[in-house]
Amino acid sequence: MKKKLLLLVAMIIISITAISFAGNLQNKITKQQNDKIIVENNETTNKPVENSKTSETKTENKDTKTQNTEVKKENTQTSKTNSQENNTNKTKEKQTNTTQKETTKPAVNTTNKDKEQEKKPNVIIVNAITNQVIYKGYVDIASKTAADVTIKALIDNKISYRAKGTGSSIYFSSIAGLKERDKGPNSGWCYFVNGKKPSVGAGGYTLKDGDILEWKYLEDGLN
């Protein structure tokens, strides 16, 4: 009887132990399954969050790009406007400078001409036979020879002439197409200073301020 009781007790203990072991195994399996489910749930929940974050980041990047593009456009428009304003200012300055030059130059020339007109003529070239005045005007004659002053007046006023010799021996044989001996054997050009005929050639007579030089074409230039 004792042996049977021992066997029953042993069987009961073994069965209890098996039941508890099976229960522990089942709990472990259940925990593992639950852990897997939790992990999967976490992965599924995390993925959308990451996607949303990336989408938000992309949206922010697009917004910043759009803002940068707008800033660049504004800067480009501003630079264009500034360059146009600079070009306009330069054009106005050029026009102003041109206007000032145009208004200044004539004033200077007019003033010089007025000064020359105010001065009395001191060089006269006339055909005494017909009383035709070939030239009458003012020339700076101070410390210059009669020949030099005559040549300057003729060249400046584009009057044709022909001269022979040089220096003190220069002789004007033709002025304005009137040549010596055209109106007689003694006809020709003679010069006078202050109404008097000098005894030396035009190249040897030095003029001074206040003198009046006059050339006359005469039928008789010897007397």
N, C-alpha and C. Protein backbone atom coordinates (compact mmCIF):
# COMPACT_ATOMS: atom_id res chain seq x y z
N MET A 1 0.82 -1.19 0.00
CA MET A 1 0.00 0.00 0.00
C MET A 1 0.88 1.27 0.00
N LYS A 2 1.93 1.23 0.74
CA LYS A 2 2.82 2.38 0.80
C LYS A 2 3.43 2.65 -0.58
N LYS A 3 3.77 1.56 -1.23
CA LYS A 3 4.36 1.73 -2.56
C LYS A 3 3.37 2.36 -3.51
N LYS A 4 2.10 1.97 -3.44
CA LYS A 4 1.07 2.52 -4.32
C LYS A 4 0.88 4.00 -4.02
N LEU A 5 0.87 4.32 -2.73
CA LEU A 5 0.70 5.70 -2.37
C LEU A 5 1.87 6.55 -2.89
N LEU A 6 3.07 6.00 -2.73
CA LEU A 6 4.24 6.71 -3.23
C LEU A 6 4.15 6.91 -4.74
N LEU A 7 3.73 5.88 -5.41
CA LEU A 7 3.59 6.00 -6.87
C LEU A 7 2.57 7.07 -7.24
N LEU A 8 1.45 7.10 -6.53
CA LEU A 8 0.42 8.09 -6.82
C LEU A 8 0.94 9.50 -6.57
N VAL A 9 1.64 9.60 -5.39
CA VAL A 9 2.19 10.93 -5.09
C VAL A 9 3.19 11.36 -6.16
N ALA A 10 4.04 10.38 -6.57
CA ALA A 10 5.03 10.70 -7.61
C ALA A 10 4.35 11.08 -8.92
N MET A 11 3.30 10.32 -9.24
CA MET A 11 2.57 10.62 -10.48
C MET A 11 1.95 12.02 -10.41
N ILE A 12 1.38 12.29 -9.20
CA ILE A 12 0.74 13.61 -9.06
C ILE A 12 1.78 14.71 -9.20
N ILE A 13 2.92 14.49 -8.56
CA ILE A 13 3.99 15.52 -8.64
C ILE A 13 4.47 15.69 -10.08
N ILE A 14 4.65 14.55 -10.75
CA ILE A 14 5.12 14.63 -12.15
C ILE A 14 4.11 15.35 -13.01
N SER A 15 2.81 14.99 -12.77
CA SER A 15 1.78 15.64 -13.60
C SER A 15 1.71 17.14 -13.33
N ILE A 16 1.84 17.49 -12.03
CA ILE A 16 1.81 18.92 -11.69
C ILE A 16 2.99 19.65 -12.32
N THR A 17 4.14 18.96 -12.21
CA THR A 17 5.34 19.57 -12.80
C THR A 17 5.19 19.73 -14.31
N ALA A 18 4.64 18.71 -14.98
CA ALA A 18 4.43 18.78 -16.44
C ALA A 18 3.46 19.88 -16.80
N ILE A 19 2.39 19.96 -15.95
CA ILE A 19 1.38 21.00 -16.23
C ILE A 19 1.99 22.39 -16.08
N SER A 20 2.79 22.56 -15.00
CA SER A 20 3.39 23.87 -14.79
C SER A 20 4.42 24.21 -15.88
N PHE A 21 5.17 23.17 -16.27
CA PHE A 21 6.14 23.38 -17.35
C PHE A 21 5.46 23.75 -18.65
N ALA A 22 4.34 23.04 -18.93
CA ALA A 22 3.59 23.35 -20.17
C ALA A 22 3.02 24.75 -20.10
N GLY A 23 2.56 25.13 -18.85
CA GLY A 23 2.02 26.48 -18.71
C GLY A 23 3.09 27.54 -18.94
N ASN A 24 4.29 27.29 -18.41
CA ASN A 24 5.38 28.24 -18.62
C ASN A 24 5.73 28.37 -20.09
N LEU A 25 5.79 27.21 -20.77
CA LEU A 25 6.09 27.24 -22.22
C LEU A 25 5.04 28.05 -22.97
N GLN A 26 3.78 27.77 -22.59
CA GLN A 26 2.72 28.49 -23.30
C GLN A 26 2.82 29.99 -23.04
N ASN A 27 3.14 30.38 -21.79
CA ASN A 27 3.29 31.81 -21.47
C ASN A 27 4.44 32.46 -22.26
N LYS A 28 5.57 31.68 -22.35
CA LYS A 28 6.70 32.20 -23.12
C LYS A 28 6.34 32.41 -24.58
N ILE A 29 5.66 31.38 -25.14
CA ILE A 29 5.27 31.49 -26.56
C ILE A 29 4.33 32.68 -26.75
N THR A 30 3.41 32.83 -25.79
CA THR A 30 2.46 33.95 -25.90
C THR A 30 3.18 35.29 -25.82
N LYS A 31 4.16 35.38 -24.88
CA LYS A 31 4.93 36.61 -24.76
C LYS A 31 5.69 36.92 -26.04
N GLN A 32 6.33 35.88 -26.60
CA GLN A 32 7.08 36.11 -27.84
C GLN A 32 6.17 36.62 -28.95
N GLN A 33 4.99 35.98 -29.03
CA GLN A 33 4.04 36.41 -30.06
C GLN A 33 3.61 37.86 -29.82
N ASN A 34 3.34 38.14 -28.50
CA ASN A 34 2.94 39.52 -28.19
C ASN A 34 4.04 40.53 -28.51
N ASP A 35 5.32 40.10 -28.21
CA ASP A 35 6.44 40.99 -28.51
C ASP A 35 6.55 41.26 -30.01
N LYS A 36 6.38 40.20 -30.80
CA LYS A 36 6.43 40.38 -32.26
C LYS A 36 5.35 41.34 -32.73
N ILE A 37 4.16 41.12 -32.15
CA ILE A 37 3.04 41.99 -32.55
C ILE A 37 3.35 43.45 -32.19
N ILE A 38 3.94 43.66 -30.99
CA ILE A 38 4.27 45.02 -30.56
C ILE A 38 5.32 45.65 -31.48
N VAL A 39 6.36 44.82 -31.81
CA VAL A 39 7.40 45.31 -32.70
C VAL A 39 6.83 45.69 -34.05
N GLU A 40 5.99 44.82 -34.58
CA GLU A 40 5.39 45.11 -35.90
C GLU A 40 4.53 46.36 -35.84
N ASN A 41 3.77 46.48 -34.71
CA ASN A 41 2.94 47.68 -34.57
C ASN A 41 3.80 48.94 -34.51
N ASN A 42 4.94 48.85 -33.78
CA ASN A 42 5.83 49.99 -33.68
C ASN A 42 6.40 50.37 -35.05
N GLU A 43 6.79 49.35 -35.83
CA GLU A 43 7.34 49.62 -37.16
C GLU A 43 6.31 50.26 -38.06
N THR A 44 5.09 49.70 -37.97
CA THR A 44 4.03 50.27 -38.82
C THR A 44 3.68 51.69 -38.40
N THR A 45 3.72 51.95 -37.09
CA THR A 45 3.41 53.32 -36.64
C THR A 45 4.54 54.29 -36.93
N ASN A 46 5.79 53.81 -36.88
CA ASN A 46 6.94 54.69 -37.12
C ASN A 46 7.07 55.06 -38.59
N LYS A 47 6.78 54.17 -39.48
CA LYS A 47 6.96 54.45 -40.92
C LYS A 47 6.13 55.63 -41.39
N PRO A 48 4.88 55.71 -41.11
CA PRO A 48 4.11 56.88 -41.56
C PRO A 48 4.65 58.18 -40.99
N VAL A 49 5.13 58.10 -39.71
CA VAL A 49 5.67 59.32 -39.12
C VAL A 49 6.88 59.80 -39.89
N GLU A 50 7.78 58.82 -40.25
CA GLU A 50 8.95 59.19 -41.02
C GLU A 50 8.56 59.77 -42.37
N ASN A 51 7.58 59.12 -43.00
CA ASN A 51 7.13 59.61 -44.31
C ASN A 51 6.56 61.01 -44.20
N SER A 52 5.80 61.23 -43.13
CA SER A 52 5.22 62.56 -42.95
C SER A 52 6.31 63.59 -42.72
N LYS A 53 7.35 63.16 -41.91
CA LYS A 53 8.45 64.09 -41.68
C LYS A 53 9.18 64.43 -42.96
N THR A 54 9.44 63.39 -43.77
CA THR A 54 10.14 63.66 -45.03
C THR A 54 9.30 64.53 -45.95
N SER A 55 7.98 64.25 -45.96
CA SER A 55 7.12 65.07 -46.83
C SER A 55 7.11 66.51 -46.36
N GLU A 56 7.06 66.68 -44.98
CA GLU A 56 7.11 68.05 -44.47
C GLU A 56 8.42 68.73 -44.82
N THR A 57 9.53 67.94 -44.71
CA THR A 57 10.84 68.50 -45.05
C THR A 57 10.88 68.91 -46.52
N LYS A 58 10.33 68.03 -47.38
CA LYS A 58 10.31 68.37 -48.81
C LYS A 58 9.49 69.62 -49.06
N THR A 59 8.35 69.73 -48.35
CA THR A 59 7.50 70.91 -48.52
C THR A 59 8.25 72.17 -48.09
N GLU A 60 8.97 72.07 -46.94
CA GLU A 60 9.74 73.22 -46.47
C GLU A 60 10.83 73.60 -47.47
N ASN A 61 11.51 72.57 -48.03
CA ASN A 61 12.55 72.84 -49.03
C ASN A 61 11.97 73.55 -50.25
N LYS A 62 10.78 73.07 -50.67
CA LYS A 62 10.14 73.73 -51.83
C LYS A 62 9.81 75.17 -51.51
N ASP A 63 9.29 75.40 -50.27
CA ASP A 63 8.95 76.77 -49.89
C ASP A 63 10.18 77.67 -49.88
N THR A 64 11.29 77.13 -49.31
CA THR A 64 12.52 77.94 -49.27
C THR A 64 13.04 78.20 -50.67
N LYS A 65 12.95 77.17 -51.55
CA LYS A 65 13.39 77.39 -52.94
C LYS A 65 12.55 78.46 -53.60
N THR A 66 11.21 78.39 -53.37
CA THR A 66 10.32 79.40 -53.96
C THR A 66 10.67 80.79 -53.45
N GLN A 67 10.92 80.89 -52.13
CA GLN A 67 11.29 82.18 -51.57
C GLN A 67 12.60 82.69 -52.15
N ASN A 68 13.58 81.77 -52.28
CA ASN A 68 14.87 82.17 -52.86
C ASN A 68 14.70 82.65 -54.28
N THR A 69 13.85 81.93 -55.04
CA THR A 69 13.60 82.32 -56.44
C THR A 69 12.98 83.71 -56.50
N GLU A 70 12.00 83.95 -55.59
CA GLU A 70 11.36 85.27 -55.57
C GLU A 70 12.37 86.35 -55.19
N VAL A 71 13.25 86.05 -54.21
CA VAL A 71 14.27 87.03 -53.82
C VAL A 71 15.21 87.33 -54.98
N LYS A 72 15.63 86.25 -55.71
CA LYS A 72 16.50 86.45 -56.87
C LYS A 72 15.82 87.32 -57.92
N LYS A 73 14.51 87.04 -58.15
CA LYS A 73 13.78 87.84 -59.14
C LYS A 73 13.74 89.30 -58.71
N GLU A 74 13.45 89.52 -57.42
CA GLU A 74 13.40 90.90 -56.93
C GLU A 74 14.75 91.59 -57.08
N ASN A 75 15.84 90.83 -56.74
CA ASN A 75 17.18 91.41 -56.87
C ASN A 75 17.50 91.73 -58.32
N THR A 76 17.09 90.81 -59.24
CA THR A 76 17.34 91.05 -60.67
C THR A 76 16.59 92.27 -61.16
N GLN A 77 15.31 92.37 -60.73
CA GLN A 77 14.52 93.53 -61.15
C GLN A 77 15.10 94.82 -60.58
N THR A 78 15.58 94.74 -59.30
CA THR A 78 16.17 95.93 -58.69
C THR A 78 17.43 96.36 -59.41
N SER A 79 18.29 95.35 -59.76
CA SER A 79 19.53 95.68 -60.46
C SER A 79 19.23 96.25 -61.84
N LYS A 80 18.21 95.68 -62.52
CA LYS A 80 17.84 96.21 -63.83
C LYS A 80 17.36 97.64 -63.71
N THR A 81 16.52 97.88 -62.68
CA THR A 81 16.00 99.23 -62.48
C THR A 81 17.13 100.21 -62.20
N ASN A 82 18.09 99.78 -61.34
CA ASN A 82 19.23 100.64 -61.03
C ASN A 82 20.07 100.94 -62.26
N SER A 83 20.30 99.88 -63.09
CA SER A 83 21.10 100.10 -64.29
C SER A 83 20.39 101.03 -65.26
N GLN A 84 19.04 100.88 -65.36
CA GLN A 84 18.29 101.78 -66.23
C GLN A 84 18.37 103.21 -65.72
N GLU A 85 18.26 103.37 -64.38
CA GLU A 85 18.36 104.72 -63.82
C GLU A 85 19.74 105.31 -64.05
N ASN A 86 20.78 104.47 -63.90
CA ASN A 86 22.15 104.96 -64.14
C ASN A 86 22.32 105.39 -65.59
N ASN A 87 21.79 104.56 -66.53
CA ASN A 87 21.90 104.90 -67.95
C ASN A 87 21.16 106.20 -68.24
N THR A 88 19.97 106.35 -67.60
CA THR A 88 19.20 107.57 -67.81
C THR A 88 19.95 108.79 -67.28
N ASN A 89 20.56 108.63 -66.09
CA ASN A 89 21.33 109.74 -65.52
C ASN A 89 22.53 110.08 -66.38
N LYS A 90 23.25 109.02 -66.91
CA LYS A 90 24.39 109.28 -67.77
C LYS A 90 23.96 110.02 -69.03
N THR A 91 22.82 109.58 -69.60
CA THR A 91 22.33 110.23 -70.82
C THR A 91 22.00 111.69 -70.54
N LYS A 92 21.36 111.94 -69.39
CA LYS A 92 21.03 113.32 -69.04
C LYS A 92 22.28 114.15 -68.84
N GLU A 93 23.31 113.55 -68.17
CA GLU A 93 24.56 114.28 -67.97
C GLU A 93 25.22 114.61 -69.30
N LYS A 94 25.23 113.61 -70.23
CA LYS A 94 25.82 113.86 -71.54
C LYS A 94 25.08 114.98 -72.27
N GLN A 95 23.72 114.91 -72.20
CA GLN A 95 22.94 115.94 -72.87
C GLN A 95 23.21 117.31 -72.25
N THR A 96 23.31 117.32 -70.90
CA THR A 96 23.58 118.58 -70.21
C THR A 96 24.94 119.14 -70.60
N ASN A 97 25.96 118.23 -70.61
CA ASN A 97 27.31 118.66 -70.99
C ASN A 97 27.34 119.17 -72.42
N THR A 98 26.64 118.42 -73.32
CA THR A 98 26.60 118.83 -74.72
C THR A 98 25.94 120.19 -74.87
N THR A 99 24.83 120.37 -74.11
CA THR A 99 24.12 121.65 -74.17
C THR A 99 25.00 122.78 -73.66
N GLN A 100 25.74 122.49 -72.56
CA GLN A 100 26.62 123.51 -72.02
C GLN A 100 27.72 123.87 -73.00
N LYS A 101 28.31 122.82 -73.66
CA LYS A 101 29.35 123.09 -74.65
C LYS A 101 28.81 123.91 -75.81
N GLU A 102 27.60 123.51 -76.28
CA GLU A 102 27.03 124.21 -77.43
C GLU A 102 26.71 125.65 -77.09
N THR A 103 26.25 125.86 -75.83
CA THR A 103 25.91 127.24 -75.46
C THR A 103 27.14 128.06 -75.14
N THR A 104 28.21 127.38 -74.69
CA THR A 104 29.42 128.11 -74.31
C THR A 104 30.24 128.53 -75.51
N LYS A 105 30.45 127.60 -76.47
CA LYS A 105 31.31 127.89 -77.61
C LYS A 105 30.84 129.08 -78.43
N PRO A 106 29.55 129.11 -78.85
CA PRO A 106 29.12 130.27 -79.62
C PRO A 106 29.30 131.57 -78.86
N ALA A 107 29.12 131.53 -77.51
CA ALA A 107 29.26 132.75 -76.74
C ALA A 107 30.69 133.28 -76.83
N VAL A 108 31.66 132.35 -76.76
CA VAL A 108 33.07 132.76 -76.87
C VAL A 108 33.36 133.33 -78.25
N ASN A 109 32.92 132.60 -79.29
CA ASN A 109 33.16 133.07 -80.66
C ASN A 109 32.48 134.41 -80.91
N THR A 110 31.25 134.53 -80.42
CA THR A 110 30.53 135.78 -80.62
C THR A 110 31.24 136.92 -79.91
N THR A 111 31.76 136.62 -78.71
CA THR A 111 32.47 137.67 -77.97
C THR A 111 33.71 138.12 -78.72
N ASN A 112 34.48 137.14 -79.26
CA ASN A 112 35.69 137.48 -80.02
C ASN A 112 35.34 138.31 -81.26
N LYS A 113 34.27 137.89 -81.95
CA LYS A 113 33.88 138.63 -83.15
C LYS A 113 33.44 140.04 -82.79
N ASP A 114 32.70 140.12 -81.67
CA ASP A 114 32.25 141.45 -81.25
C ASP A 114 33.44 142.35 -80.93
N LYS A 115 34.46 141.75 -80.28
CA LYS A 115 35.65 142.54 -79.95
C LYS A 115 36.35 143.00 -81.22
N GLU A 116 36.43 142.09 -82.22
CA GLU A 116 37.08 142.47 -83.47
C GLU A 116 36.29 143.55 -84.20
N GLN A 117 34.95 143.44 -84.13
CA GLN A 117 34.12 144.44 -84.80
C GLN A 117 34.21 145.79 -84.11
N GLU A 118 34.41 145.74 -82.78
CA GLU A 118 34.53 147.00 -82.05
C GLU A 118 35.79 147.75 -82.44
N LYS A 119 36.86 147.00 -82.81
CA LYS A 119 38.11 147.65 -83.19
C LYS A 119 38.00 148.19 -84.60
N LYS A 120 38.60 149.31 -84.81
CA LYS A 120 38.54 149.94 -86.13
C LYS A 120 39.43 149.19 -87.12
N PRO A 121 39.00 149.10 -88.37
CA PRO A 121 39.83 148.43 -89.39
C PRO A 121 41.19 149.12 -89.50
N ASN A 122 42.24 148.33 -89.53
CA ASN A 122 43.59 148.90 -89.66
C ASN A 122 44.33 148.37 -90.89
N VAL A 123 43.63 147.50 -91.66
CA VAL A 123 44.21 147.00 -92.92
C VAL A 123 43.15 147.17 -94.01
N ILE A 124 43.53 147.87 -95.07
CA ILE A 124 42.59 148.13 -96.17
C ILE A 124 43.28 147.80 -97.48
N ILE A 125 42.58 147.06 -98.34
CA ILE A 125 43.09 146.74 -99.68
C ILE A 125 42.03 147.20 -100.68
N VAL A 126 42.41 148.08 -101.57
CA VAL A 126 41.43 148.69 -102.45
C VAL A 126 41.99 148.85 -103.87
N ASN A 127 41.11 148.70 -104.86
CA ASN A 127 41.45 149.01 -106.25
C ASN A 127 41.16 150.50 -106.45
N ALA A 128 42.21 151.31 -106.42
CA ALA A 128 42.03 152.77 -106.49
C ALA A 128 41.51 153.23 -107.83
N ILE A 129 41.62 152.40 -108.85
CA ILE A 129 41.14 152.80 -110.18
C ILE A 129 39.62 152.76 -110.22
N THR A 130 39.01 151.71 -109.61
CA THR A 130 37.55 151.56 -109.62
C THR A 130 36.94 151.84 -108.24
N ASN A 131 37.79 152.14 -107.24
CA ASN A 131 37.34 152.36 -105.86
C ASN A 131 36.66 151.12 -105.25
N GLN A 132 37.05 149.96 -105.75
CA GLN A 132 36.50 148.70 -105.20
C GLN A 132 37.32 148.29 -103.97
N VAL A 133 36.63 148.08 -102.83
CA VAL A 133 37.28 147.65 -101.60
C VAL A 133 37.37 146.12 -101.62
N ILE A 134 38.58 145.63 -101.67
CA ILE A 134 38.80 144.17 -101.69
C ILE A 134 38.79 143.60 -100.28
N TYR A 135 39.39 144.32 -99.34
CA TYR A 135 39.39 143.89 -97.93
C TYR A 135 39.48 145.10 -97.03
N LYS A 136 38.74 145.01 -95.90
CA LYS A 136 38.80 146.06 -94.90
C LYS A 136 38.51 145.41 -93.55
N GLY A 137 39.53 145.35 -92.67
CA GLY A 137 39.33 144.68 -91.40
C GLY A 137 40.46 144.95 -90.42
N TYR A 138 40.34 144.30 -89.27
CA TYR A 138 41.33 144.50 -88.21
C TYR A 138 42.28 143.31 -88.15
N VAL A 139 43.58 143.61 -88.03
CA VAL A 139 44.62 142.61 -87.87
C VAL A 139 45.57 143.09 -86.79
N ASP A 140 46.05 142.17 -85.97
CA ASP A 140 47.03 142.53 -84.94
C ASP A 140 48.35 142.85 -85.65
N ILE A 141 48.73 144.11 -85.66
CA ILE A 141 49.88 144.54 -86.46
C ILE A 141 51.11 144.89 -85.62
N ALA A 142 50.98 144.89 -84.30
CA ALA A 142 52.08 145.37 -83.45
C ALA A 142 53.35 144.56 -83.66
N SER A 143 54.45 145.27 -83.94
CA SER A 143 55.79 144.69 -84.11
C SER A 143 55.87 143.69 -85.26
N LYS A 144 55.02 143.85 -86.26
CA LYS A 144 55.05 142.99 -87.45
C LYS A 144 55.31 143.86 -88.67
N THR A 145 55.92 143.24 -89.68
CA THR A 145 56.19 144.01 -90.90
C THR A 145 54.91 144.15 -91.71
N ALA A 146 54.89 145.13 -92.58
CA ALA A 146 53.72 145.36 -93.44
C ALA A 146 53.47 144.15 -94.32
N ALA A 147 54.53 143.49 -94.75
CA ALA A 147 54.38 142.31 -95.60
C ALA A 147 53.72 141.16 -94.83
N ASP A 148 54.18 140.92 -93.58
CA ASP A 148 53.60 139.83 -92.78
C ASP A 148 52.12 140.06 -92.49
N VAL A 149 51.78 141.30 -92.16
CA VAL A 149 50.37 141.62 -91.87
C VAL A 149 49.52 141.45 -93.13
N THR A 150 50.07 141.87 -94.29
CA THR A 150 49.33 141.74 -95.55
C THR A 150 49.08 140.27 -95.89
N ILE A 151 50.11 139.45 -95.77
CA ILE A 151 49.96 138.01 -96.08
C ILE A 151 48.92 137.36 -95.16
N LYS A 152 48.94 137.71 -93.88
CA LYS A 152 47.98 137.13 -92.93
C LYS A 152 46.55 137.51 -93.31
N ALA A 153 46.34 138.79 -93.64
CA ALA A 153 44.99 139.24 -94.02
C ALA A 153 44.52 138.53 -95.29
N LEU A 154 45.43 138.37 -96.26
CA LEU A 154 45.05 137.71 -97.52
C LEU A 154 44.73 136.23 -97.31
N ILE A 155 45.57 135.53 -96.53
CA ILE A 155 45.35 134.10 -96.31
C ILE A 155 44.08 133.86 -95.49
N ASP A 156 43.90 134.64 -94.40
CA ASP A 156 42.74 134.44 -93.53
C ASP A 156 41.43 134.68 -94.29
N ASN A 157 41.45 135.56 -95.27
CA ASN A 157 40.22 135.88 -96.00
C ASN A 157 40.18 135.22 -97.40
N LYS A 158 41.13 134.29 -97.63
CA LYS A 158 41.18 133.51 -98.87
C LYS A 158 41.20 134.41 -100.11
N ILE A 159 42.05 135.40 -100.07
CA ILE A 159 42.24 136.30 -101.21
C ILE A 159 43.53 135.89 -101.94
N SER A 160 43.44 135.65 -103.21
CA SER A 160 44.61 135.19 -103.96
C SER A 160 45.65 136.31 -104.06
N TYR A 161 46.91 135.91 -104.10
CA TYR A 161 47.99 136.89 -104.24
C TYR A 161 49.23 136.19 -104.80
N ARG A 162 50.15 137.04 -105.27
CA ARG A 162 51.45 136.54 -105.75
C ARG A 162 52.51 137.52 -105.28
N ALA A 163 53.55 136.96 -104.65
CA ALA A 163 54.62 137.81 -104.12
C ALA A 163 55.96 137.35 -104.66
N LYS A 164 56.84 138.31 -104.89
CA LYS A 164 58.18 138.02 -105.38
C LYS A 164 59.21 138.42 -104.32
N GLY A 165 60.28 137.66 -104.23
CA GLY A 165 61.33 137.98 -103.27
C GLY A 165 60.96 137.53 -101.86
N THR A 166 61.88 137.77 -100.92
CA THR A 166 61.67 137.40 -99.53
C THR A 166 62.23 138.49 -98.62
N GLY A 167 61.81 138.42 -97.32
CA GLY A 167 62.33 139.37 -96.34
C GLY A 167 62.01 140.81 -96.69
N SER A 168 63.00 141.67 -96.57
CA SER A 168 62.78 143.10 -96.81
C SER A 168 62.59 143.42 -98.28
N SER A 169 62.97 142.49 -99.17
CA SER A 169 62.85 142.74 -100.61
C SER A 169 61.59 142.13 -101.22
N ILE A 170 60.63 141.68 -100.40
CA ILE A 170 59.41 141.07 -100.94
C ILE A 170 58.58 142.12 -101.67
N TYR A 171 57.94 141.65 -102.75
CA TYR A 171 57.17 142.58 -103.59
C TYR A 171 55.89 141.86 -104.05
N PHE A 172 54.74 142.52 -103.86
CA PHE A 172 53.45 141.94 -104.23
C PHE A 172 53.13 142.33 -105.66
N SER A 173 53.20 141.37 -106.56
CA SER A 173 52.95 141.64 -107.99
C SER A 173 51.49 141.45 -108.37
N SER A 174 50.70 140.72 -107.51
CA SER A 174 49.29 140.48 -107.84
C SER A 174 48.50 140.27 -106.55
N ILE A 175 47.34 140.89 -106.47
CA ILE A 175 46.41 140.70 -105.35
C ILE A 175 44.99 140.66 -105.92
N ALA A 176 44.26 139.61 -105.55
CA ALA A 176 42.85 139.45 -105.98
C ALA A 176 42.72 139.48 -107.50
N GLY A 177 43.72 138.97 -108.21
CA GLY A 177 43.65 138.90 -109.66
C GLY A 177 44.12 140.14 -110.38
N LEU A 178 44.43 141.21 -109.62
CA LEU A 178 44.93 142.45 -110.25
C LEU A 178 46.45 142.39 -110.27
N LYS A 179 47.01 142.33 -111.49
CA LYS A 179 48.46 142.18 -111.66
C LYS A 179 49.10 143.51 -112.06
N GLU A 180 50.40 143.58 -111.79
CA GLU A 180 51.16 144.78 -112.20
C GLU A 180 51.17 144.89 -113.72
N ARG A 181 51.09 146.12 -114.22
CA ARG A 181 51.10 146.47 -115.64
C ARG A 181 49.83 146.04 -116.38
N ASP A 182 48.79 145.58 -115.66
CA ASP A 182 47.53 145.24 -116.32
C ASP A 182 46.81 146.51 -116.80
N LYS A 183 46.98 147.61 -116.11
CA LYS A 183 46.30 148.85 -116.46
C LYS A 183 47.28 149.93 -116.95
N GLY A 184 48.40 149.50 -117.43
CA GLY A 184 49.39 150.43 -117.95
C GLY A 184 50.77 149.98 -117.55
N PRO A 185 51.81 150.57 -118.19
CA PRO A 185 53.19 150.12 -117.93
C PRO A 185 53.65 150.40 -116.51
N ASN A 186 53.05 151.38 -115.82
CA ASN A 186 53.46 151.71 -114.45
C ASN A 186 52.44 151.28 -113.40
N SER A 187 51.40 150.56 -113.83
CA SER A 187 50.35 150.16 -112.89
C SER A 187 50.88 149.05 -111.97
N GLY A 188 50.35 149.05 -110.73
CA GLY A 188 50.75 148.03 -109.78
C GLY A 188 50.29 148.35 -108.37
N TRP A 189 50.71 147.53 -107.40
CA TRP A 189 50.30 147.68 -105.99
C TRP A 189 51.33 148.47 -105.20
N CYS A 190 50.83 149.44 -104.42
CA CYS A 190 51.67 150.24 -103.54
C CYS A 190 51.03 150.28 -102.15
N TYR A 191 51.86 150.31 -101.10
CA TYR A 191 51.29 150.34 -99.75
C TYR A 191 51.57 151.69 -99.09
N PHE A 192 50.66 152.05 -98.17
CA PHE A 192 50.74 153.33 -97.46
C PHE A 192 50.52 153.05 -95.96
N VAL A 193 51.23 153.79 -95.13
CA VAL A 193 51.05 153.69 -93.67
C VAL A 193 50.64 155.06 -93.17
N ASN A 194 49.43 155.07 -92.58
CA ASN A 194 48.85 156.33 -92.08
C ASN A 194 48.78 157.38 -93.19
N GLY A 195 48.49 156.93 -94.42
CA GLY A 195 48.31 157.84 -95.56
C GLY A 195 49.58 158.22 -96.26
N LYS A 196 50.74 157.73 -95.81
CA LYS A 196 52.01 158.10 -96.44
C LYS A 196 52.67 156.86 -97.04
N LYS A 197 53.35 157.08 -98.17
CA LYS A 197 54.02 156.00 -98.86
C LYS A 197 55.45 155.86 -98.33
N PRO A 198 55.77 154.74 -97.64
CA PRO A 198 57.13 154.58 -97.10
C PRO A 198 58.17 154.46 -98.20
N SER A 199 59.41 154.74 -97.85
CA SER A 199 60.51 154.69 -98.84
C SER A 199 61.17 153.31 -98.89
N VAL A 200 60.70 152.35 -98.03
CA VAL A 200 61.27 151.00 -98.04
C VAL A 200 60.17 150.01 -98.44
N GLY A 201 60.63 148.81 -98.80
CA GLY A 201 59.65 147.78 -99.18
C GLY A 201 58.82 147.32 -97.99
N ALA A 202 57.68 146.63 -98.30
CA ALA A 202 56.74 146.20 -97.25
C ALA A 202 57.41 145.23 -96.27
N GLY A 203 58.43 144.49 -96.76
CA GLY A 203 59.11 143.54 -95.87
C GLY A 203 60.09 144.21 -94.93
N GLY A 204 60.40 145.48 -95.13
CA GLY A 204 61.36 146.18 -94.29
C GLY A 204 60.73 147.22 -93.41
N TYR A 205 59.40 147.33 -93.42
CA TYR A 205 58.72 148.34 -92.60
C TYR A 205 57.99 147.64 -91.44
N THR A 206 58.37 148.02 -90.18
CA THR A 206 57.73 147.42 -88.99
C THR A 206 56.63 148.34 -88.50
N LEU A 207 55.46 147.78 -88.34
CA LEU A 207 54.28 148.54 -87.90
C LEU A 207 54.21 148.58 -86.37
N LYS A 208 53.39 149.53 -85.88
CA LYS A 208 53.15 149.64 -84.44
C LYS A 208 51.66 149.86 -84.21
N ASP A 209 51.25 149.69 -82.94
CA ASP A 209 49.83 149.87 -82.62
C ASP A 209 49.34 151.26 -83.03
N GLY A 210 48.16 151.27 -83.62
CA GLY A 210 47.57 152.53 -84.05
C GLY A 210 47.84 152.86 -85.50
N ASP A 211 48.76 152.12 -86.14
CA ASP A 211 49.03 152.35 -87.57
C ASP A 211 47.88 151.79 -88.42
N ILE A 212 47.72 152.42 -89.58
CA ILE A 212 46.73 151.94 -90.56
C ILE A 212 47.48 151.60 -91.84
N LEU A 213 47.40 150.32 -92.23
CA LEU A 213 48.08 149.85 -93.44
C LEU A 213 47.07 149.80 -94.58
N GLU A 214 47.42 150.45 -95.69
CA GLU A 214 46.50 150.49 -96.83
C GLU A 214 47.26 150.14 -98.11
N TRP A 215 46.68 149.17 -98.86
CA TRP A 215 47.22 148.80 -100.16
C TRP A 215 46.30 149.35 -101.24
N LYS A 216 46.95 149.97 -102.28
CA LYS A 216 46.19 150.54 -103.38
C LYS A 216 46.73 150.04 -104.71
N TYR A 217 45.78 149.68 -105.59
CA TYR A 217 46.19 149.36 -106.96
C TYR A 217 46.06 150.64 -107.78
N LEU A 218 47.22 151.11 -108.32
CA LEU A 218 47.28 152.41 -109.00
C LEU A 218 47.70 152.23 -110.46
N GLU A 219 47.25 153.21 -111.31
CA GLU A 219 47.68 153.20 -112.71
C GLU A 219 49.15 153.60 -112.80
N ASP A 220 49.57 154.47 -111.91
CA ASP A 220 50.95 154.92 -111.90
C ASP A 220 51.47 154.73 -110.48
N GLY A 221 52.13 153.60 -110.26
CA GLY A 221 52.64 153.32 -108.94
C GLY A 221 54.01 153.84 -108.67
N LEU A 222 54.61 154.49 -109.67
CA LEU A 222 55.97 154.99 -109.50
C LEU A 222 55.97 156.42 -108.94
N ASN A 223 54.94 157.15 -109.20
CA ASN A 223 54.89 158.56 -108.77
C ASN A 223 53.88 158.74 -107.62
